[in-house]
Amino acid sequence: MTKADIVTSISENLGMDKTDVQNIVESFMGEVKEALEEGENVYLRGFGSFIIKKRAEKTGRNISKNTTIKIPAHNIPAFKPSKVFVEGVKSKVKVD
């Protein structure tokens, strides 16, 4: 599912104009991104949390040059689904 699919679905469900829904969806995503860039986690009860995970410094390898490189410690954004979300997916999606 793409952002356009989400906008279309919400627009049809709520009877709103697609451009209004697209502005709302993009605004939501912008707010989440901005909060994470400021070091804040975003908690959506019943859905999940957008959190910042810390990655420790580690040693990697450049295979083409056969050298080791240091990868500095850094933060990455991550999504942690709520228990309700996980249970819903487990119960409704068949394992292939």
PDB file of N, CA and C in Angstrom:
ATOM      1  N   MET A   1       0.846  -1.175   0.000  1.00  0.00           N
ATOM      2  CA  MET A   1       0.000   0.000   0.000  1.00  0.00           C
ATOM      3  C   MET A   1       0.889   1.234   0.000  1.00  0.00           C
ATOM      4  N   THR A   2       0.577   2.182  -0.847  1.00  0.00           N
ATOM      5  CA  THR A   2       1.354   3.416  -0.953  1.00  0.00           C
ATOM      6  C   THR A   2       0.625   4.562  -0.260  1.00  0.00           C
ATOM      7  N   LYS A   3       1.313   5.706  -0.175  1.00  0.00           N
ATOM      8  CA  LYS A   3       0.685   6.884   0.421  1.00  0.00           C
ATOM      9  C   LYS A   3      -0.556   7.274  -0.383  1.00  0.00           C
ATOM     10  N   ALA A   4      -0.485   7.169  -1.707  1.00  0.00           N
ATOM     11  CA  ALA A   4      -1.638   7.494  -2.555  1.00  0.00           C
ATOM     12  C   ALA A   4      -2.813   6.564  -2.258  1.00  0.00           C
ATOM     13  N   ASP A   5      -2.531   5.284  -2.018  1.00  0.00           N
ATOM     14  CA  ASP A   5      -3.585   4.327  -1.671  1.00  0.00           C
ATOM     15  C   ASP A   5      -4.231   4.691  -0.337  1.00  0.00           C
ATOM     16  N   ILE A   6      -3.422   5.095   0.621  1.00  0.00           N
ATOM     17  CA  ILE A   6      -3.930   5.498   1.931  1.00  0.00           C
ATOM     18  C   ILE A   6      -4.820   6.727   1.790  1.00  0.00           C
ATOM     19  N   VAL A   7      -4.360   7.716   1.018  1.00  0.00           N
ATOM     20  CA  VAL A   7      -5.132   8.942   0.810  1.00  0.00           C
ATOM     21  C   VAL A   7      -6.470   8.615   0.150  1.00  0.00           C
ATOM     22  N   THR A   8      -6.444   7.766  -0.864  1.00  0.00           N
ATOM     23  CA  THR A   8      -7.682   7.389  -1.563  1.00  0.00           C
ATOM     24  C   THR A   8      -8.646   6.685  -0.622  1.00  0.00           C
ATOM     25  N   SER A   9      -8.134   5.738   0.173  1.00  0.00           N
ATOM     26  CA  SER A   9      -8.979   4.983   1.087  1.00  0.00           C
ATOM     27  C   SER A   9      -9.616   5.890   2.137  1.00  0.00           C
ATOM     28  N   ILE A  10      -8.831   6.757   2.746  1.00  0.00           N
ATOM     29  CA  ILE A  10      -9.358   7.666   3.769  1.00  0.00           C
ATOM     30  C   ILE A  10     -10.370   8.626   3.135  1.00  0.00           C
ATOM     31  N   SER A  11     -10.061   9.122   1.950  1.00  0.00           N
ATOM     32  CA  SER A  11     -10.954  10.032   1.246  1.00  0.00           C
ATOM     33  C   SER A  11     -12.311   9.380   0.983  1.00  0.00           C
ATOM     34  N   GLU A  12     -12.291   8.121   0.550  1.00  0.00           N
ATOM     35  CA  GLU A  12     -13.540   7.400   0.294  1.00  0.00           C
ATOM     36  C   GLU A  12     -14.297   7.103   1.582  1.00  0.00           C
ATOM     37  N   ASN A  13     -13.578   6.719   2.639  1.00  0.00           N
ATOM     38  CA  ASN A  13     -14.226   6.383   3.912  1.00  0.00           C
ATOM     39  C   ASN A  13     -14.873   7.595   4.583  1.00  0.00           C
ATOM     40  N   LEU A  14     -14.225   8.750   4.485  1.00  0.00           N
ATOM     41  CA  LEU A  14     -14.722   9.932   5.182  1.00  0.00           C
ATOM     42  C   LEU A  14     -15.491  10.895   4.281  1.00  0.00           C
ATOM     43  N   GLY A  15     -15.474  10.649   2.976  1.00  0.00           N
ATOM     44  CA  GLY A  15     -16.162  11.541   2.055  1.00  0.00           C
ATOM     45  C   GLY A  15     -15.494  12.901   1.948  1.00  0.00           C
ATOM     46  N   MET A  16     -14.190  12.932   2.145  1.00  0.00           N
ATOM     47  CA  MET A  16     -13.431  14.185   2.060  1.00  0.00           C
ATOM     48  C   MET A  16     -12.726  14.269   0.721  1.00  0.00           C
ATOM     49  N   ASP A  17     -12.336  15.482   0.357  1.00  0.00           N
ATOM     50  CA  ASP A  17     -11.585  15.710  -0.869  1.00  0.00           C
ATOM     51  C   ASP A  17     -10.181  15.114  -0.730  1.00  0.00           C
ATOM     52  N   LYS A  18      -9.688  14.506  -1.807  1.00  0.00           N
ATOM     53  CA  LYS A  18      -8.371  13.854  -1.754  1.00  0.00           C
ATOM     54  C   LYS A  18      -7.246  14.830  -1.418  1.00  0.00           C
ATOM     55  N   THR A  19      -7.329  16.057  -1.916  1.00  0.00           N
ATOM     56  CA  THR A  19      -6.253  17.010  -1.636  1.00  0.00           C
ATOM     57  C   THR A  19      -6.217  17.370  -0.147  1.00  0.00           C
ATOM     58  N   ASP A  20      -7.391  17.485   0.483  1.00  0.00           N
ATOM     59  CA  ASP A  20      -7.435  17.762   1.921  1.00  0.00           C
ATOM     60  C   ASP A  20      -6.836  16.603   2.710  1.00  0.00           C
ATOM     61  N   VAL A  21      -7.209  15.377   2.332  1.00  0.00           N
ATOM     62  CA  VAL A  21      -6.695  14.191   3.019  1.00  0.00           C
ATOM     63  C   VAL A  21      -5.187  14.086   2.811  1.00  0.00           C
ATOM     64  N   GLN A  22      -4.710  14.358   1.591  1.00  0.00           N
ATOM     65  CA  GLN A  22      -3.271  14.288   1.327  1.00  0.00           C
ATOM     66  C   GLN A  22      -2.525  15.303   2.184  1.00  0.00           C
ATOM     67  N   ASN A  23      -3.063  16.505   2.324  1.00  0.00           N
ATOM     68  CA  ASN A  23      -2.427  17.516   3.180  1.00  0.00           C
ATOM     69  C   ASN A  23      -2.379  17.057   4.632  1.00  0.00           C
ATOM     70  N   ILE A  24      -3.439  16.415   5.094  1.00  0.00           N
ATOM     71  CA  ILE A  24      -3.481  15.919   6.473  1.00  0.00           C
ATOM     72  C   ILE A  24      -2.457  14.810   6.678  1.00  0.00           C
ATOM     73  N   VAL A  25      -2.410  13.862   5.744  1.00  0.00           N
ATOM     74  CA  VAL A  25      -1.464  12.740   5.855  1.00  0.00           C
ATOM     75  C   VAL A  25      -0.028  13.253   5.819  1.00  0.00           C
ATOM     76  N   GLU A  26       0.274  14.160   4.894  1.00  0.00           N
ATOM     77  CA  GLU A  26       1.632  14.702   4.805  1.00  0.00           C
ATOM     78  C   GLU A  26       1.988  15.527   6.036  1.00  0.00           C
ATOM     79  N   SER A  27       1.014  16.241   6.585  1.00  0.00           N
ATOM     80  CA  SER A  27       1.243  17.005   7.809  1.00  0.00           C
ATOM     81  C   SER A  27       1.548  16.075   8.978  1.00  0.00           C
ATOM     82  N   PHE A  28       0.787  14.974   9.076  1.00  0.00           N
ATOM     83  CA  PHE A  28       1.031  13.981  10.127  1.00  0.00           C
ATOM     84  C   PHE A  28       2.441  13.417  10.022  1.00  0.00           C
ATOM     85  N   MET A  29       2.815  13.017   8.818  1.00  0.00           N
ATOM     86  CA  MET A  29       4.153  12.449   8.634  1.00  0.00           C
ATOM     87  C   MET A  29       5.238  13.479   8.944  1.00  0.00           C
ATOM     88  N   GLY A  30       4.996  14.728   8.580  1.00  0.00           N
ATOM     89  CA  GLY A  30       5.952  15.792   8.884  1.00  0.00           C
ATOM     90  C   GLY A  30       6.107  16.007  10.381  1.00  0.00           C
ATOM     91  N   GLU A  31       4.999  15.952  11.106  1.00  0.00           N
ATOM     92  CA  GLU A  31       5.050  16.125  12.561  1.00  0.00           C
ATOM     93  C   GLU A  31       5.823  14.987  13.230  1.00  0.00           C
ATOM     94  N   VAL A  32       5.588  13.758  12.768  1.00  0.00           N
ATOM     95  CA  VAL A  32       6.313  12.602  13.319  1.00  0.00           C
ATOM     96  C   VAL A  32       7.808  12.759  13.040  1.00  0.00           C
ATOM     97  N   LYS A  33       8.148  13.103  11.814  1.00  0.00           N
ATOM     98  CA  LYS A  33       9.556  13.278  11.436  1.00  0.00           C
ATOM     99  C   LYS A  33      10.209  14.386  12.253  1.00  0.00           C
ATOM    100  N   GLU A  34       9.515  15.500  12.390  1.00  0.00           N
ATOM    101  CA  GLU A  34      10.053  16.634  13.154  1.00  0.00           C
ATOM    102  C   GLU A  34      10.279  16.266  14.615  1.00  0.00           C
ATOM    103  N   ALA A  35       9.330  15.554  15.213  1.00  0.00           N
ATOM    104  CA  ALA A  35       9.475  15.142  16.614  1.00  0.00           C
ATOM    105  C   ALA A  35      10.687  14.231  16.781  1.00  0.00           C
ATOM    106  N   LEU A  36      10.852  13.275  15.879  1.00  0.00           N
ATOM    107  CA  LEU A  36      11.992  12.368  15.977  1.00  0.00           C
ATOM    108  C   LEU A  36      13.306  13.111  15.768  1.00  0.00           C
ATOM    109  N   GLU A  37      13.326  14.064  14.839  1.00  0.00           N
ATOM    110  CA  GLU A  37      14.544  14.858  14.619  1.00  0.00           C
ATOM    111  C   GLU A  37      14.906  15.693  15.838  1.00  0.00           C
ATOM    112  N   GLU A  38      13.911  16.033  16.666  1.00  0.00           N
ATOM    113  CA  GLU A  38      14.160  16.790  17.893  1.00  0.00           C
ATOM    114  C   GLU A  38      14.462  15.878  19.085  1.00  0.00           C
ATOM    115  N   GLY A  39      14.511  14.556  18.838  1.00  0.00           N
ATOM    116  CA  GLY A  39      14.846  13.615  19.896  1.00  0.00           C
ATOM    117  C   GLY A  39      13.662  13.127  20.702  1.00  0.00           C
ATOM    118  N   GLU A  40      12.442  13.415  20.256  1.00  0.00           N
ATOM    119  CA  GLU A  40      11.242  12.979  20.965  1.00  0.00           C
ATOM    120  C   GLU A  40      10.656  11.734  20.315  1.00  0.00           C
ATOM    121  N   ASN A  41      10.180  10.809  21.132  1.00  0.00           N
ATOM    122  CA  ASN A  41       9.451   9.654  20.620  1.00  0.00           C
ATOM    123  C   ASN A  41       7.984  10.046  20.426  1.00  0.00           C
ATOM    124  N   VAL A  42       7.292   9.336  19.527  1.00  0.00           N
ATOM    125  CA  VAL A  42       5.880   9.604  19.256  1.00  0.00           C
ATOM    126  C   VAL A  42       5.095   8.352  19.621  1.00  0.00           C
ATOM    127  N   TYR A  43       4.138   8.482  20.538  1.00  0.00           N
ATOM    128  CA  TYR A  43       3.350   7.344  21.016  1.00  0.00           C
ATOM    129  C   TYR A  43       1.912   7.472  20.538  1.00  0.00           C
ATOM    130  N   LEU A  44       1.421   6.475  19.800  1.00  0.00           N
ATOM    131  CA  LEU A  44       0.040   6.449  19.330  1.00  0.00           C
ATOM    132  C   LEU A  44      -0.631   5.231  19.948  1.00  0.00           C
ATOM    133  N   ARG A  45      -1.403   5.465  20.991  1.00  0.00           N
ATOM    134  CA  ARG A  45      -2.043   4.382  21.742  1.00  0.00           C
ATOM    135  C   ARG A  45      -2.887   3.496  20.829  1.00  0.00           C
ATOM    136  N   GLY A  46      -2.688   2.185  20.926  1.00  0.00           N
ATOM    137  CA  GLY A  46      -3.430   1.228  20.120  1.00  0.00           C
ATOM    138  C   GLY A  46      -2.842   1.008  18.738  1.00  0.00           C
ATOM    139  N   PHE A  47      -1.832   1.797  18.361  1.00  0.00           N
ATOM    140  CA  PHE A  47      -1.197   1.657  17.048  1.00  0.00           C
ATOM    141  C   PHE A  47       0.266   1.283  17.190  1.00  0.00           C
ATOM    142  N   GLY A  48       1.032   2.128  17.879  1.00  0.00           N
ATOM    143  CA  GLY A  48       2.448   1.840  18.079  1.00  0.00           C
ATOM    144  C   GLY A  48       3.218   3.096  18.413  1.00  0.00           C
ATOM    145  N   SER A  49       4.532   2.959  18.408  1.00  0.00           N
ATOM    146  CA  SER A  49       5.408   4.071  18.766  1.00  0.00           C
ATOM    147  C   SER A  49       6.487   4.257  17.713  1.00  0.00           C
ATOM    148  N   PHE A  50       6.713   5.510  17.354  1.00  0.00           N
ATOM    149  CA  PHE A  50       7.856   5.867  16.520  1.00  0.00           C
ATOM    150  C   PHE A  50       8.939   6.272  17.502  1.00  0.00           C
ATOM    151  N   ILE A  51      10.033   5.520  17.519  1.00  0.00           N
ATOM    152  CA  ILE A  51      11.059   5.738  18.530  1.00  0.00           C
ATOM    153  C   ILE A  51      12.424   5.943  17.873  1.00  0.00           C
ATOM    154  N   ILE A  52      13.348   6.419  18.677  1.00  0.00           N
ATOM    155  CA  ILE A  52      14.720   6.593  18.234  1.00  0.00           C
ATOM    156  C   ILE A  52      15.545   5.484  18.875  1.00  0.00           C
ATOM    157  N   LYS A  53      16.214   4.696  18.044  1.00  0.00           N
ATOM    158  CA  LYS A  53      17.086   3.641  18.549  1.00  0.00           C
ATOM    159  C   LYS A  53      18.537   4.093  18.410  1.00  0.00           C
ATOM    160  N   LYS A  54      19.320   3.745  19.410  1.00  0.00           N
ATOM    161  CA  LYS A  54      20.738   4.099  19.386  1.00  0.00           C
ATOM    162  C   LYS A  54      21.551   2.906  18.904  1.00  0.00           C
ATOM    163  N   ARG A  55      22.411   3.149  17.947  1.00  0.00           N
ATOM    164  CA  ARG A  55      23.315   2.120  17.441  1.00  0.00           C
ATOM    165  C   ARG A  55      24.708   2.415  17.968  1.00  0.00           C
ATOM    166  N   ALA A  56      25.329   1.425  18.571  1.00  0.00           N
ATOM    167  CA  ALA A  56      26.669   1.592  19.134  1.00  0.00           C
ATOM    168  C   ALA A  56      27.710   1.637  18.019  1.00  0.00           C
ATOM    169  N   GLU A  57      28.859   2.188  18.344  1.00  0.00           N
ATOM    170  CA  GLU A  57      29.962   2.194  17.389  1.00  0.00           C
ATOM    171  C   GLU A  57      30.380   0.754  17.121  1.00  0.00           C
ATOM    172  N   LYS A  58      30.725   0.467  15.877  1.00  0.00           N
ATOM    173  CA  LYS A  58      31.164  -0.892  15.560  1.00  0.00           C
ATOM    174  C   LYS A  58      32.181  -0.856  14.430  1.00  0.00           C
ATOM    175  N   THR A  59      32.835  -1.981  14.258  1.00  0.00           N
ATOM    176  CA  THR A  59      33.828  -2.124  13.202  1.00  0.00           C
ATOM    177  C   THR A  59      33.200  -2.872  12.041  1.00  0.00           C
ATOM    178  N   GLY A  60      33.322  -2.303  10.843  1.00  0.00           N
ATOM    179  CA  GLY A  60      32.808  -2.938   9.638  1.00  0.00           C
ATOM    180  C   GLY A  60      33.945  -3.248   8.689  1.00  0.00           C
ATOM    181  N   ARG A  61      33.607  -3.867   7.561  1.00  0.00           N
ATOM    182  CA  ARG A  61      34.631  -4.203   6.579  1.00  0.00           C
ATOM    183  C   ARG A  61      34.257  -3.665   5.213  1.00  0.00           C
ATOM    184  N   ASN A  62      35.257  -3.110   4.534  1.00  0.00           N
ATOM    185  CA  ASN A  62      35.106  -2.722   3.142  1.00  0.00           C
ATOM    186  C   ASN A  62      35.656  -3.893   2.336  1.00  0.00           C
ATOM    187  N   ILE A  63      34.781  -4.700   1.810  1.00  0.00           N
ATOM    188  CA  ILE A  63      35.184  -5.946   1.153  1.00  0.00           C
ATOM    189  C   ILE A  63      36.012  -5.673  -0.096  1.00  0.00           C
ATOM    190  N   SER A  64      35.663  -4.642  -0.864  1.00  0.00           N
ATOM    191  CA  SER A  64      36.393  -4.390  -2.109  1.00  0.00           C
ATOM    192  C   SER A  64      37.843  -3.977  -1.860  1.00  0.00           C
ATOM    193  N   LYS A  65      38.120  -3.269  -0.764  1.00  0.00           N
ATOM    194  CA  LYS A  65      39.487  -2.849  -0.448  1.00  0.00           C
ATOM    195  C   LYS A  65      40.130  -3.723   0.624  1.00  0.00           C
ATOM    196  N   ASN A  66      39.347  -4.646   1.187  1.00  0.00           N
ATOM    197  CA  ASN A  66      39.819  -5.540   2.240  1.00  0.00           C
ATOM    198  C   ASN A  66      40.395  -4.764   3.420  1.00  0.00           C
ATOM    199  N   THR A  67      39.647  -3.753   3.861  1.00  0.00           N
ATOM    200  CA  THR A  67      40.073  -2.950   5.008  1.00  0.00           C
ATOM    201  C   THR A  67      38.945  -2.900   6.032  1.00  0.00           C
ATOM    202  N   THR A  68      39.314  -2.557   7.248  1.00  0.00           N
ATOM    203  CA  THR A  68      38.292  -2.385   8.283  1.00  0.00           C
ATOM    204  C   THR A  68      38.001  -0.894   8.420  1.00  0.00           C
ATOM    205  N   ILE A  69      36.767  -0.596   8.748  1.00  0.00           N
ATOM    206  CA  ILE A  69      36.372   0.795   8.960  1.00  0.00           C
ATOM    207  C   ILE A  69      35.582   0.887  10.253  1.00  0.00           C
ATOM    208  N   LYS A  70      35.648   2.045  10.873  1.00  0.00           N
ATOM    209  CA  LYS A  70      34.872   2.275  12.097  1.00  0.00           C
ATOM    210  C   LYS A  70      33.565   2.949  11.694  1.00  0.00           C
ATOM    211  N   ILE A  71      32.479   2.361  12.134  1.00  0.00           N
ATOM    212  CA  ILE A  71      31.165   2.948  11.919  1.00  0.00           C
ATOM    213  C   ILE A  71      30.796   3.641  13.226  1.00  0.00           C
ATOM    214  N   PRO A  72      30.657   4.962  13.200  1.00  0.00           N
ATOM    215  CA  PRO A  72      30.406   5.686  14.457  1.00  0.00           C
ATOM    216  C   PRO A  72      29.024   5.381  15.033  1.00  0.00           C
ATOM    217  N   ALA A  73      28.877   5.644  16.320  1.00  0.00           N
ATOM    218  CA  ALA A  73      27.576   5.488  16.975  1.00  0.00           C
ATOM    219  C   ALA A  73      26.605   6.477  16.336  1.00  0.00           C
ATOM    220  N   HIS A  74      25.358   6.047  16.183  1.00  0.00           N
ATOM    221  CA  HIS A  74      24.362   6.919  15.560  1.00  0.00           C
ATOM    222  C   HIS A  74      22.962   6.509  16.003  1.00  0.00           C
ATOM    223  N   ASN A  75      22.010   7.371  15.730  1.00  0.00           N
ATOM    224  CA  ASN A  75      20.605   7.106  16.051  1.00  0.00           C
ATOM    225  C   ASN A  75      19.851   6.817  14.766  1.00  0.00           C
ATOM    226  N   ILE A  76      18.850   5.935  14.853  1.00  0.00           N
ATOM    227  CA  ILE A  76      17.996   5.647  13.712  1.00  0.00           C
ATOM    228  C   ILE A  76      16.540   5.666  14.157  1.00  0.00           C
ATOM    229  N   PRO A  77      15.628   6.078  13.259  1.00  0.00           N
ATOM    230  CA  PRO A  77      14.211   6.012  13.605  1.00  0.00           C
ATOM    231  C   PRO A  77      13.708   4.576  13.474  1.00  0.00           C
ATOM    232  N   ALA A  78      12.753   4.201  14.301  1.00  0.00           N
ATOM    233  CA  ALA A  78      12.189   2.844  14.247  1.00  0.00           C
ATOM    234  C   ALA A  78      10.715   2.920  14.639  1.00  0.00           C
ATOM    235  N   PHE A  79       9.977   1.890  14.256  1.00  0.00           N
ATOM    236  CA  PHE A  79       8.570   1.790  14.624  1.00  0.00           C
ATOM    237  C   PHE A  79       8.377   0.530  15.439  1.00  0.00           C
ATOM    238  N   LYS A  80       7.715   0.674  16.581  1.00  0.00           N
ATOM    239  CA  LYS A  80       7.412  -0.476  17.427  1.00  0.00           C
ATOM    240  C   LYS A  80       5.893  -0.579  17.522  1.00  0.00           C
ATOM    241  N   PRO A  81       5.294  -1.614  16.910  1.00  0.00           N
ATOM    242  CA  PRO A  81       3.836  -1.733  16.938  1.00  0.00           C
ATOM    243  C   PRO A  81       3.324  -2.086  18.333  1.00  0.00           C
ATOM    244  N   SER A  82       2.080  -1.675  18.610  1.00  0.00           N
ATOM    245  CA  SER A  82       1.470  -1.995  19.902  1.00  0.00           C
ATOM    246  C   SER A  82       1.091  -3.475  19.933  1.00  0.00           C
ATOM    247  N   LYS A  83       0.806  -3.977  21.123  1.00  0.00           N
ATOM    248  CA  LYS A  83       0.412  -5.383  21.269  1.00  0.00           C
ATOM    249  C   LYS A  83      -0.866  -5.669  20.492  1.00  0.00           C
ATOM    250  N   VAL A  84      -1.810  -4.738  20.501  1.00  0.00           N
ATOM    251  CA  VAL A  84      -3.069  -4.910  19.772  1.00  0.00           C
ATOM    252  C   VAL A  84      -2.792  -5.023  18.276  1.00  0.00           C
ATOM    253  N   PHE A  85      -1.899  -4.188  17.773  1.00  0.00           N
ATOM    254  CA  PHE A  85      -1.511  -4.195  16.363  1.00  0.00           C
ATOM    255  C   PHE A  85      -0.889  -5.545  16.005  1.00  0.00           C
ATOM    256  N   VAL A  86       0.057  -6.001  16.810  1.00  0.00           N
ATOM    257  CA  VAL A  86       0.752  -7.272  16.548  1.00  0.00           C
ATOM    258  C   VAL A  86      -0.227  -8.435  16.571  1.00  0.00           C
ATOM    259  N   GLU A  87      -1.101  -8.461  17.561  1.00  0.00           N
ATOM    260  CA  GLU A  87      -2.073  -9.558  17.657  1.00  0.00           C
ATOM    261  C   GLU A  87      -3.030  -9.572  16.465  1.00  0.00           C
ATOM    262  N   GLY A  88      -3.431  -8.395  16.011  1.00  0.00           N
ATOM    263  CA  GLY A  88      -4.306  -8.300  14.853  1.00  0.00           C
ATOM    264  C   GLY A  88      -3.657  -8.864  13.604  1.00  0.00           C
ATOM    265  N   VAL A  89      -2.398  -8.542  13.410  1.00  0.00           N
ATOM    266  CA  VAL A  89      -1.681  -9.063  12.232  1.00  0.00           C
ATOM    267  C   VAL A  89      -1.481 -10.568  12.368  1.00  0.00           C
ATOM    268  N   LYS A  90      -1.114 -11.029  13.557  1.00  0.00           N
ATOM    269  CA  LYS A  90      -0.910 -12.471  13.764  1.00  0.00           C
ATOM    270  C   LYS A  90      -2.172 -13.261  13.489  1.00  0.00           C
ATOM    271  N   SER A  91      -3.315 -12.724  13.916  1.00  0.00           N
ATOM    272  CA  SER A  91      -4.562 -13.484  13.783  1.00  0.00           C
ATOM    273  C   SER A  91      -5.176 -13.387  12.391  1.00  0.00           C
ATOM    274  N   LYS A  92      -4.885 -12.364  11.633  1.00  0.00           N
ATOM    275  CA  LYS A  92      -5.550 -12.155  10.346  1.00  0.00           C
ATOM    276  C   LYS A  92      -4.704 -12.470   9.119  1.00  0.00           C
ATOM    277  N   VAL A  93      -3.389 -12.499   9.256  1.00  0.00           N
ATOM    278  CA  VAL A  93      -2.526 -12.742   8.099  1.00  0.00           C
ATOM    279  C   VAL A  93      -2.014 -14.167   8.179  1.00  0.00           C
ATOM    280  N   LYS A  94      -2.288 -14.924   7.105  1.00  0.00           N
ATOM    281  CA  LYS A  94      -1.862 -16.321   7.080  1.00  0.00           C
ATOM    282  C   LYS A  94      -0.365 -16.405   6.790  1.00  0.00           C
ATOM    283  N   VAL A  95       0.281 -17.389   7.393  1.00  0.00           N
ATOM    284  CA  VAL A  95       1.683 -17.648   7.155  1.00  0.00           C
ATOM    285  C   VAL A  95       1.808 -18.452   5.867  1.00  0.00           C
ATOM    286  N   ASP A  96       2.670 -18.002   4.982  1.00  0.00           N
ATOM    287  CA  ASP A  96       2.848 -18.707   3.709  1.00  0.00           C
ATOM    288  C   ASP A  96       3.703 -19.950   3.862  1.00  0.00           C
TER     289      ASP A  96
END
